[in-house]
Amino acid sequence: MIKYFFTTTQDKNIAFHVNDNINDVKQNRLNLGANYGVNMNNLRYMNQVHGCHIEVVTKKSKLCLDDCDALITNEPNTPLMVMVADCIPILLYDEKKSVIAAVHAGRNGSFLSIVEKTALKMCKVFNCKVEDMTVVLGPSIQRCCYEVSQEMANTVKNKFGKCYTNGRLIDLQGINKKQLLDFGILGENIDISSVCTKCSNKNYYSYRLNNHCGRFAGVISLP
């Protein structure tokens, strides 16, 4: 059975790039195995760059894939991880084909349709069918708090529609859901967390609240 989870601040920082002690981060990652029942030895993660490059992970893939914002695999016991602190951690899976993906969907990646492109690649490379795919959008900054410049809000309005803006606030979750629905993913197979990382007072890191914060993660793994 496919297993996935989203870490919290109780799991501590999961990222190497935020000036944390590297040994502490390694231990935090190893602890996830015990806490969530996933073998972390073969973990694959990304040097995320807010782009739309997608990598297919094989047994020969490096542990950290550079210049990448989405990972796909059909390898068992090979967890995929996306790290965030306000951006949307998106996990996709097709249980029938035993294919999983992890996507980093920040503003730029969302504008570049990274989640739709990831779903398309799952179909092209592994013959997944849209009706069999499930998508989970984890905790992230929500439309209540995601304020951008007026110019950026106008870009969203013109590119996606005015329903995705409220003044200078934008709805990144809605934009990603629209892309998934347009691609053919069934609405009942799209699960979106309502937790806002900035204002919910839940246990998630938020870059908008503290730009020196750690990162939490979305992790997905095939048995």
C-alpha atoms as a PDB file:
ATOM      1  CA  MET A   1       0.000   0.000   0.000  1.00  0.00           C
ATOM      2  CA  ILE A   2       1.281   3.458  -0.908  1.00  0.00           C
ATOM      3  CA  LYS A   3       2.240   5.471   2.159  1.00  0.00           C
ATOM      4  CA  TYR A   4       2.526   9.248   2.416  1.00  0.00           C
ATOM      5  CA  PHE A   5       2.739  11.884   5.116  1.00  0.00           C
ATOM      6  CA  PHE A   6       3.538  15.533   5.799  1.00  0.00           C
ATOM      7  CA  THR A   7       5.997  16.321   8.550  1.00  0.00           C
ATOM      8  CA  THR A   8       5.502  19.095  11.122  1.00  0.00           C
ATOM      9  CA  THR A   9       7.738  21.311  13.196  1.00  0.00           C
ATOM     10  CA  GLN A  10       7.663  18.544  15.805  1.00  0.00           C
ATOM     11  CA  ASP A  11       9.739  16.521  13.337  1.00  0.00           C
ATOM     12  CA  LYS A  12      12.160  19.475  13.227  1.00  0.00           C
ATOM     13  CA  ASN A  13      13.903  20.869  10.154  1.00  0.00           C
ATOM     14  CA  ILE A  14      14.281  18.452   7.221  1.00  0.00           C
ATOM     15  CA  ALA A  15      16.370  20.686   4.885  1.00  0.00           C
ATOM     16  CA  PHE A  16      20.140  21.024   4.572  1.00  0.00           C
ATOM     17  CA  HIS A  17      20.076  24.498   2.985  1.00  0.00           C
ATOM     18  CA  VAL A  18      18.818  26.598   5.924  1.00  0.00           C
ATOM     19  CA  ASN A  19      22.042  26.851   7.959  1.00  0.00           C
ATOM     20  CA  ASP A  20      21.062  24.052  10.310  1.00  0.00           C
ATOM     21  CA  ASN A  21      23.619  21.579  11.619  1.00  0.00           C
ATOM     22  CA  ILE A  22      24.003  18.940   8.908  1.00  0.00           C
ATOM     23  CA  ASN A  23      24.207  16.057  11.393  1.00  0.00           C
ATOM     24  CA  ASP A  24      21.048  17.236  13.116  1.00  0.00           C
ATOM     25  CA  VAL A  25      19.215  17.328   9.794  1.00  0.00           C
ATOM     26  CA  LYS A  26      20.428  13.821   8.938  1.00  0.00           C
ATOM     27  CA  GLN A  27      19.127  12.590  12.278  1.00  0.00           C
ATOM     28  CA  ASN A  28      15.801  14.382  11.778  1.00  0.00           C
ATOM     29  CA  ARG A  29      15.396  12.596   8.462  1.00  0.00           C
ATOM     30  CA  LEU A  30      16.305   9.228   9.917  1.00  0.00           C
ATOM     31  CA  ASN A  31      13.754   9.755  12.688  1.00  0.00           C
ATOM     32  CA  LEU A  32      11.019   9.979  10.066  1.00  0.00           C
ATOM     33  CA  GLY A  33      11.522   6.309   9.318  1.00  0.00           C
ATOM     34  CA  ALA A  34      10.674   5.324  12.867  1.00  0.00           C
ATOM     35  CA  ASN A  35       7.940   7.930  13.299  1.00  0.00           C
ATOM     36  CA  TYR A  36       6.094   7.235  10.050  1.00  0.00           C
ATOM     37  CA  GLY A  37       7.096   3.668   9.162  1.00  0.00           C
ATOM     38  CA  VAL A  38       8.937   4.476   5.930  1.00  0.00           C
ATOM     39  CA  ASN A  39      12.414   3.236   4.991  1.00  0.00           C
ATOM     40  CA  MET A  40      14.416   6.451   4.582  1.00  0.00           C
ATOM     41  CA  ASN A  41      17.648   4.816   3.401  1.00  0.00           C
ATOM     42  CA  ASN A  42      16.729   5.216  -0.277  1.00  0.00           C
ATOM     43  CA  LEU A  43      15.160   8.655   0.098  1.00  0.00           C
ATOM     44  CA  ARG A  44      15.314  10.860  -3.014  1.00  0.00           C
ATOM     45  CA  TYR A  45      14.951  14.617  -2.664  1.00  0.00           C
ATOM     46  CA  MET A  46      15.570  17.740  -4.739  1.00  0.00           C
ATOM     47  CA  ASN A  47      17.594  20.889  -4.995  1.00  0.00           C
ATOM     48  CA  GLN A  48      14.411  22.845  -5.692  1.00  0.00           C
ATOM     49  CA  VAL A  49      14.703  25.920  -7.923  1.00  0.00           C
ATOM     50  CA  HIS A  50      11.082  27.057  -8.480  1.00  0.00           C
ATOM     51  CA  GLY A  51      11.105  25.713 -12.036  1.00  0.00           C
ATOM     52  CA  CYS A  52       9.251  22.908 -13.794  1.00  0.00           C
ATOM     53  CA  HIS A  53      11.957  20.309 -14.437  1.00  0.00           C
ATOM     54  CA  ILE A  54      10.744  16.783 -13.641  1.00  0.00           C
ATOM     55  CA  GLU A  55      12.996  13.784 -13.008  1.00  0.00           C
ATOM     56  CA  VAL A  56      12.101  10.090 -13.188  1.00  0.00           C
ATOM     57  CA  VAL A  57      13.859   8.329 -10.309  1.00  0.00           C
ATOM     58  CA  THR A  58      15.496   4.935 -10.895  1.00  0.00           C
ATOM     59  CA  LYS A  59      17.756   2.775  -8.765  1.00  0.00           C
ATOM     60  CA  LYS A  60      20.716   4.573 -10.333  1.00  0.00           C
ATOM     61  CA  SER A  61      19.476   8.082  -9.525  1.00  0.00           C
ATOM     62  CA  LYS A  62      21.471  10.255  -7.145  1.00  0.00           C
ATOM     63  CA  LEU A  63      20.005  10.774  -3.692  1.00  0.00           C
ATOM     64  CA  CYS A  64      19.693  14.531  -4.339  1.00  0.00           C
ATOM     65  CA  LEU A  65      18.588  15.599  -7.804  1.00  0.00           C
ATOM     66  CA  ASP A  66      19.754  19.069  -8.782  1.00  0.00           C
ATOM     67  CA  ASP A  67      17.722  21.842 -10.436  1.00  0.00           C
ATOM     68  CA  CYS A  68      14.506  19.915 -10.085  1.00  0.00           C
ATOM     69  CA  ASP A  69      11.011  20.511  -8.688  1.00  0.00           C
ATOM     70  CA  ALA A  70       9.237  17.191  -9.242  1.00  0.00           C
ATOM     71  CA  LEU A  71      10.126  13.517  -8.895  1.00  0.00           C
ATOM     72  CA  ILE A  72       8.358  10.433 -10.246  1.00  0.00           C
ATOM     73  CA  THR A  73       9.140   6.776  -9.633  1.00  0.00           C
ATOM     74  CA  ASN A  74       7.793   3.251  -9.769  1.00  0.00           C
ATOM     75  CA  GLU A  75      10.664   1.911  -7.659  1.00  0.00           C
ATOM     76  CA  PRO A  76       9.571   0.199  -4.427  1.00  0.00           C
ATOM     77  CA  ASN A  77      11.040   1.329  -1.107  1.00  0.00           C
ATOM     78  CA  THR A  78      12.262   4.574  -2.675  1.00  0.00           C
ATOM     79  CA  PRO A  79      10.603   7.472  -0.850  1.00  0.00           C
ATOM     80  CA  LEU A  80      10.287  10.781  -2.673  1.00  0.00           C
ATOM     81  CA  MET A  81      10.414  14.028  -0.694  1.00  0.00           C
ATOM     82  CA  VAL A  82       9.452  17.640  -1.336  1.00  0.00           C
ATOM     83  CA  MET A  83      10.474  20.355   1.161  1.00  0.00           C
ATOM     84  CA  VAL A  84       8.462  23.521   1.765  1.00  0.00           C
ATOM     85  CA  ALA A  85       7.707  26.452   4.047  1.00  0.00           C
ATOM     86  CA  ASP A  86       4.594  28.078   2.468  1.00  0.00           C
ATOM     87  CA  CYS A  87       4.841  26.570  -1.055  1.00  0.00           C
ATOM     88  CA  ILE A  88       2.492  23.677  -1.800  1.00  0.00           C
ATOM     89  CA  PRO A  89       3.859  20.152  -1.301  1.00  0.00           C
ATOM     90  CA  ILE A  90       1.920  18.035  -3.794  1.00  0.00           C
ATOM     91  CA  LEU A  91       1.916  14.222  -3.789  1.00  0.00           C
ATOM     92  CA  LEU A  92       0.461  12.191  -6.662  1.00  0.00           C
ATOM     93  CA  TYR A  93      -0.053   8.466  -7.008  1.00  0.00           C
ATOM     94  CA  ASP A  94      -1.612   5.776  -9.180  1.00  0.00           C
ATOM     95  CA  GLU A  95      -2.075   2.625  -7.127  1.00  0.00           C
ATOM     96  CA  LYS A  96      -3.018   0.525 -10.152  1.00  0.00           C
ATOM     97  CA  LYS A  97       0.289   1.251 -11.884  1.00  0.00           C
ATOM     98  CA  SER A  98       2.287   1.627  -8.631  1.00  0.00           C
ATOM     99  CA  VAL A  99       3.621   5.046  -9.596  1.00  0.00           C
ATOM    100  CA  ILE A 100       4.188   7.980  -7.231  1.00  0.00           C
ATOM    101  CA  ALA A 101       5.336  11.596  -7.527  1.00  0.00           C
ATOM    102  CA  ALA A 102       6.343  14.506  -5.306  1.00  0.00           C
ATOM    103  CA  VAL A 103       6.000  18.083  -6.560  1.00  0.00           C
ATOM    104  CA  HIS A 104       7.210  21.458  -5.285  1.00  0.00           C
ATOM    105  CA  ALA A 105       4.542  23.955  -6.371  1.00  0.00           C
ATOM    106  CA  GLY A 106       5.506  27.480  -5.479  1.00  0.00           C
ATOM    107  CA  ARG A 107       4.172  30.470  -7.373  1.00  0.00           C
ATOM    108  CA  ASN A 108       6.572  30.112 -10.300  1.00  0.00           C
ATOM    109  CA  GLY A 109       6.073  26.363 -10.551  1.00  0.00           C
ATOM    110  CA  SER A 110       2.311  26.808 -10.420  1.00  0.00           C
ATOM    111  CA  PHE A 111       2.424  29.435 -13.177  1.00  0.00           C
ATOM    112  CA  LEU A 112       4.498  26.931 -15.212  1.00  0.00           C
ATOM    113  CA  SER A 113       1.856  24.208 -14.607  1.00  0.00           C
ATOM    114  CA  ILE A 114       4.320  21.863 -12.925  1.00  0.00           C
ATOM    115  CA  VAL A 115       1.668  19.625 -11.346  1.00  0.00           C
ATOM    116  CA  GLU A 116      -0.133  19.173 -14.663  1.00  0.00           C
ATOM    117  CA  LYS A 117       3.174  18.436 -16.407  1.00  0.00           C
ATOM    118  CA  THR A 118       4.037  15.890 -13.722  1.00  0.00           C
ATOM    119  CA  ALA A 119       0.711  14.117 -14.169  1.00  0.00           C
ATOM    120  CA  LEU A 120       1.261  14.133 -17.945  1.00  0.00           C
ATOM    121  CA  LYS A 121       4.716  12.587 -17.532  1.00  0.00           C
ATOM    122  CA  MET A 122       3.280   9.878 -15.286  1.00  0.00           C
ATOM    123  CA  CYS A 123       0.891   9.030 -18.115  1.00  0.00           C
ATOM    124  CA  LYS A 124       3.524   9.152 -20.855  1.00  0.00           C
ATOM    125  CA  VAL A 125       6.304   7.254 -19.069  1.00  0.00           C
ATOM    126  CA  PHE A 126       4.294   4.778 -16.994  1.00  0.00           C
ATOM    127  CA  ASN A 127       0.968   4.612 -18.852  1.00  0.00           C
ATOM    128  CA  CYS A 128      -0.974   5.954 -15.880  1.00  0.00           C
ATOM    129  CA  LYS A 129      -4.608   6.865 -16.498  1.00  0.00           C
ATOM    130  CA  VAL A 130      -6.005  10.154 -15.241  1.00  0.00           C
ATOM    131  CA  GLU A 131      -9.054   8.471 -13.736  1.00  0.00           C
ATOM    132  CA  ASP A 132      -6.782   6.327 -11.545  1.00  0.00           C
ATOM    133  CA  MET A 133      -4.649   9.171 -10.216  1.00  0.00           C
ATOM    134  CA  THR A 134      -4.986  10.708  -6.750  1.00  0.00           C
ATOM    135  CA  VAL A 135      -3.488  14.063  -5.808  1.00  0.00           C
ATOM    136  CA  VAL A 136      -2.894  15.439  -2.309  1.00  0.00           C
ATOM    137  CA  LEU A 137      -2.023  19.098  -1.716  1.00  0.00           C
ATOM    138  CA  GLY A 138      -0.472  19.473   1.710  1.00  0.00           C
ATOM    139  CA  PRO A 139      -0.443  22.416   4.142  1.00  0.00           C
ATOM    140  CA  SER A 140       0.704  25.676   2.541  1.00  0.00           C
ATOM    141  CA  ILE A 141       0.025  29.381   2.527  1.00  0.00           C
ATOM    142  CA  GLN A 142      -3.639  29.867   1.599  1.00  0.00           C
ATOM    143  CA  ARG A 143      -5.608  32.582  -0.163  1.00  0.00           C
ATOM    144  CA  CYS A 144      -6.273  34.234   3.205  1.00  0.00           C
ATOM    145  CA  CYS A 145      -2.590  35.170   3.523  1.00  0.00           C
ATOM    146  CA  TYR A 146      -0.838  34.876   0.168  1.00  0.00           C
ATOM    147  CA  GLU A 147      -0.453  38.555  -0.648  1.00  0.00           C
ATOM    148  CA  VAL A 148       1.534  39.564  -3.738  1.00  0.00           C
ATOM    149  CA  SER A 149       2.147  42.763  -5.679  1.00  0.00           C
ATOM    150  CA  GLN A 150      -0.763  44.280  -7.578  1.00  0.00           C
ATOM    151  CA  GLU A 151       1.089  43.532 -10.808  1.00  0.00           C
ATOM    152  CA  MET A 152       1.365  39.857  -9.864  1.00  0.00           C
ATOM    153  CA  ALA A 153      -2.298  39.734  -8.823  1.00  0.00           C
ATOM    154  CA  ASN A 154      -3.237  41.186 -12.217  1.00  0.00           C
ATOM    155  CA  THR A 155      -1.120  38.511 -13.899  1.00  0.00           C
ATOM    156  CA  VAL A 156      -3.039  35.808 -12.017  1.00  0.00           C
ATOM    157  CA  LYS A 157      -6.356  37.433 -12.939  1.00  0.00           C
ATOM    158  CA  ASN A 158      -5.443  37.589 -16.624  1.00  0.00           C
ATOM    159  CA  LYS A 159      -3.830  34.147 -16.804  1.00  0.00           C
ATOM    160  CA  PHE A 160      -6.221  32.098 -14.680  1.00  0.00           C
ATOM    161  CA  GLY A 161      -9.305  34.219 -13.942  1.00  0.00           C
ATOM    162  CA  LYS A 162     -10.407  36.798 -11.396  1.00  0.00           C
ATOM    163  CA  CYS A 163     -11.882  34.115  -9.135  1.00  0.00           C
ATOM    164  CA  TYR A 164      -8.300  33.263  -8.106  1.00  0.00           C
ATOM    165  CA  THR A 165      -7.654  36.727  -6.709  1.00  0.00           C
ATOM    166  CA  ASN A 166      -9.079  38.900  -3.943  1.00  0.00           C
ATOM    167  CA  GLY A 167      -7.366  42.241  -4.177  1.00  0.00           C
ATOM    168  CA  ARG A 168      -3.690  41.355  -3.842  1.00  0.00           C
ATOM    169  CA  LEU A 169      -4.399  37.909  -2.361  1.00  0.00           C
ATOM    170  CA  ILE A 170      -4.086  34.917  -4.702  1.00  0.00           C
ATOM    171  CA  ASP A 171      -5.385  31.358  -4.524  1.00  0.00           C
ATOM    172  CA  LEU A 172      -2.481  29.076  -5.416  1.00  0.00           C
ATOM    173  CA  GLN A 173      -4.388  25.961  -4.358  1.00  0.00           C
ATOM    174  CA  GLY A 174      -7.260  26.859  -6.678  1.00  0.00           C
ATOM    175  CA  ILE A 175      -4.871  27.415  -9.581  1.00  0.00           C
ATOM    176  CA  ASN A 176      -3.310  23.989  -9.119  1.00  0.00           C
ATOM    177  CA  LYS A 177      -6.710  22.348  -8.751  1.00  0.00           C
ATOM    178  CA  LYS A 178      -7.859  24.004 -11.977  1.00  0.00           C
ATOM    179  CA  GLN A 179      -4.841  22.620 -13.812  1.00  0.00           C
ATOM    180  CA  LEU A 180      -5.509  19.126 -12.478  1.00  0.00           C
ATOM    181  CA  LEU A 181      -9.197  19.238 -13.389  1.00  0.00           C
ATOM    182  CA  ASP A 182      -8.390  20.591 -16.846  1.00  0.00           C
ATOM    183  CA  PHE A 183      -5.996  17.685 -17.321  1.00  0.00           C
ATOM    184  CA  GLY A 184      -8.740  15.237 -16.429  1.00  0.00           C
ATOM    185  CA  ILE A 185      -8.031  14.308 -12.808  1.00  0.00           C
ATOM    186  CA  LEU A 186     -11.321  13.546 -11.074  1.00  0.00           C
ATOM    187  CA  GLY A 187     -12.427  16.146  -8.545  1.00  0.00           C
ATOM    188  CA  GLU A 188     -13.090  13.494  -5.913  1.00  0.00           C
ATOM    189  CA  ASN A 189      -9.473  12.351  -6.278  1.00  0.00           C
ATOM    190  CA  ILE A 190      -8.039  15.753  -5.370  1.00  0.00           C
ATOM    191  CA  ASP A 191      -7.535  16.399  -1.646  1.00  0.00           C
ATOM    192  CA  ILE A 192      -6.493  19.899  -0.568  1.00  0.00           C
ATOM    193  CA  SER A 193      -5.396  20.721   2.969  1.00  0.00           C
ATOM    194  CA  SER A 194      -7.175  23.755   4.422  1.00  0.00           C
ATOM    195  CA  VAL A 195      -4.265  24.467   6.782  1.00  0.00           C
ATOM    196  CA  CYS A 196      -2.588  27.814   6.138  1.00  0.00           C
ATOM    197  CA  THR A 197       1.057  27.679   7.124  1.00  0.00           C
ATOM    198  CA  LYS A 198       1.100  31.408   7.902  1.00  0.00           C
ATOM    199  CA  CYS A 199      -1.994  32.018  10.039  1.00  0.00           C
ATOM    200  CA  SER A 200      -3.358  28.674  11.259  1.00  0.00           C
ATOM    201  CA  ASN A 201      -1.076  28.397  14.316  1.00  0.00           C
ATOM    202  CA  LYS A 202      -0.519  24.772  13.315  1.00  0.00           C
ATOM    203  CA  ASN A 203       2.887  23.124  13.494  1.00  0.00           C
ATOM    204  CA  TYR A 204       4.305  24.023  10.082  1.00  0.00           C
ATOM    205  CA  TYR A 205       7.173  26.258   9.013  1.00  0.00           C
ATOM    206  CA  SER A 206       6.267  29.500   7.217  1.00  0.00           C
ATOM    207  CA  TYR A 207       8.828  31.569   5.327  1.00  0.00           C
ATOM    208  CA  ARG A 208       6.437  34.516   5.367  1.00  0.00           C
ATOM    209  CA  LEU A 209       6.429  34.427   9.171  1.00  0.00           C
ATOM    210  CA  ASN A 210      10.167  33.801   9.552  1.00  0.00           C
ATOM    211  CA  ASN A 211      12.537  33.817   6.596  1.00  0.00           C
ATOM    212  CA  HIS A 212      15.142  31.976   8.672  1.00  0.00           C
ATOM    213  CA  CYS A 213      12.810  29.045   9.348  1.00  0.00           C
ATOM    214  CA  GLY A 214      13.388  25.369   8.615  1.00  0.00           C
ATOM    215  CA  ARG A 215      11.442  23.270   6.139  1.00  0.00           C
ATOM    216  CA  PHE A 216       8.796  20.616   6.572  1.00  0.00           C
ATOM    217  CA  ALA A 217       8.263  17.898   4.006  1.00  0.00           C
ATOM    218  CA  GLY A 218       5.820  15.808   2.050  1.00  0.00           C
ATOM    219  CA  VAL A 219       7.022  12.214   1.625  1.00  0.00           C
ATOM    220  CA  ILE A 220       5.502   9.426  -0.455  1.00  0.00           C
ATOM    221  CA  SER A 221       6.694   5.838  -0.877  1.00  0.00           C
ATOM    222  CA  LEU A 222       5.774   2.571  -2.579  1.00  0.00           C
ATOM    223  CA  PRO A 223       6.041  -0.601  -0.471  1.00  0.00           C
END
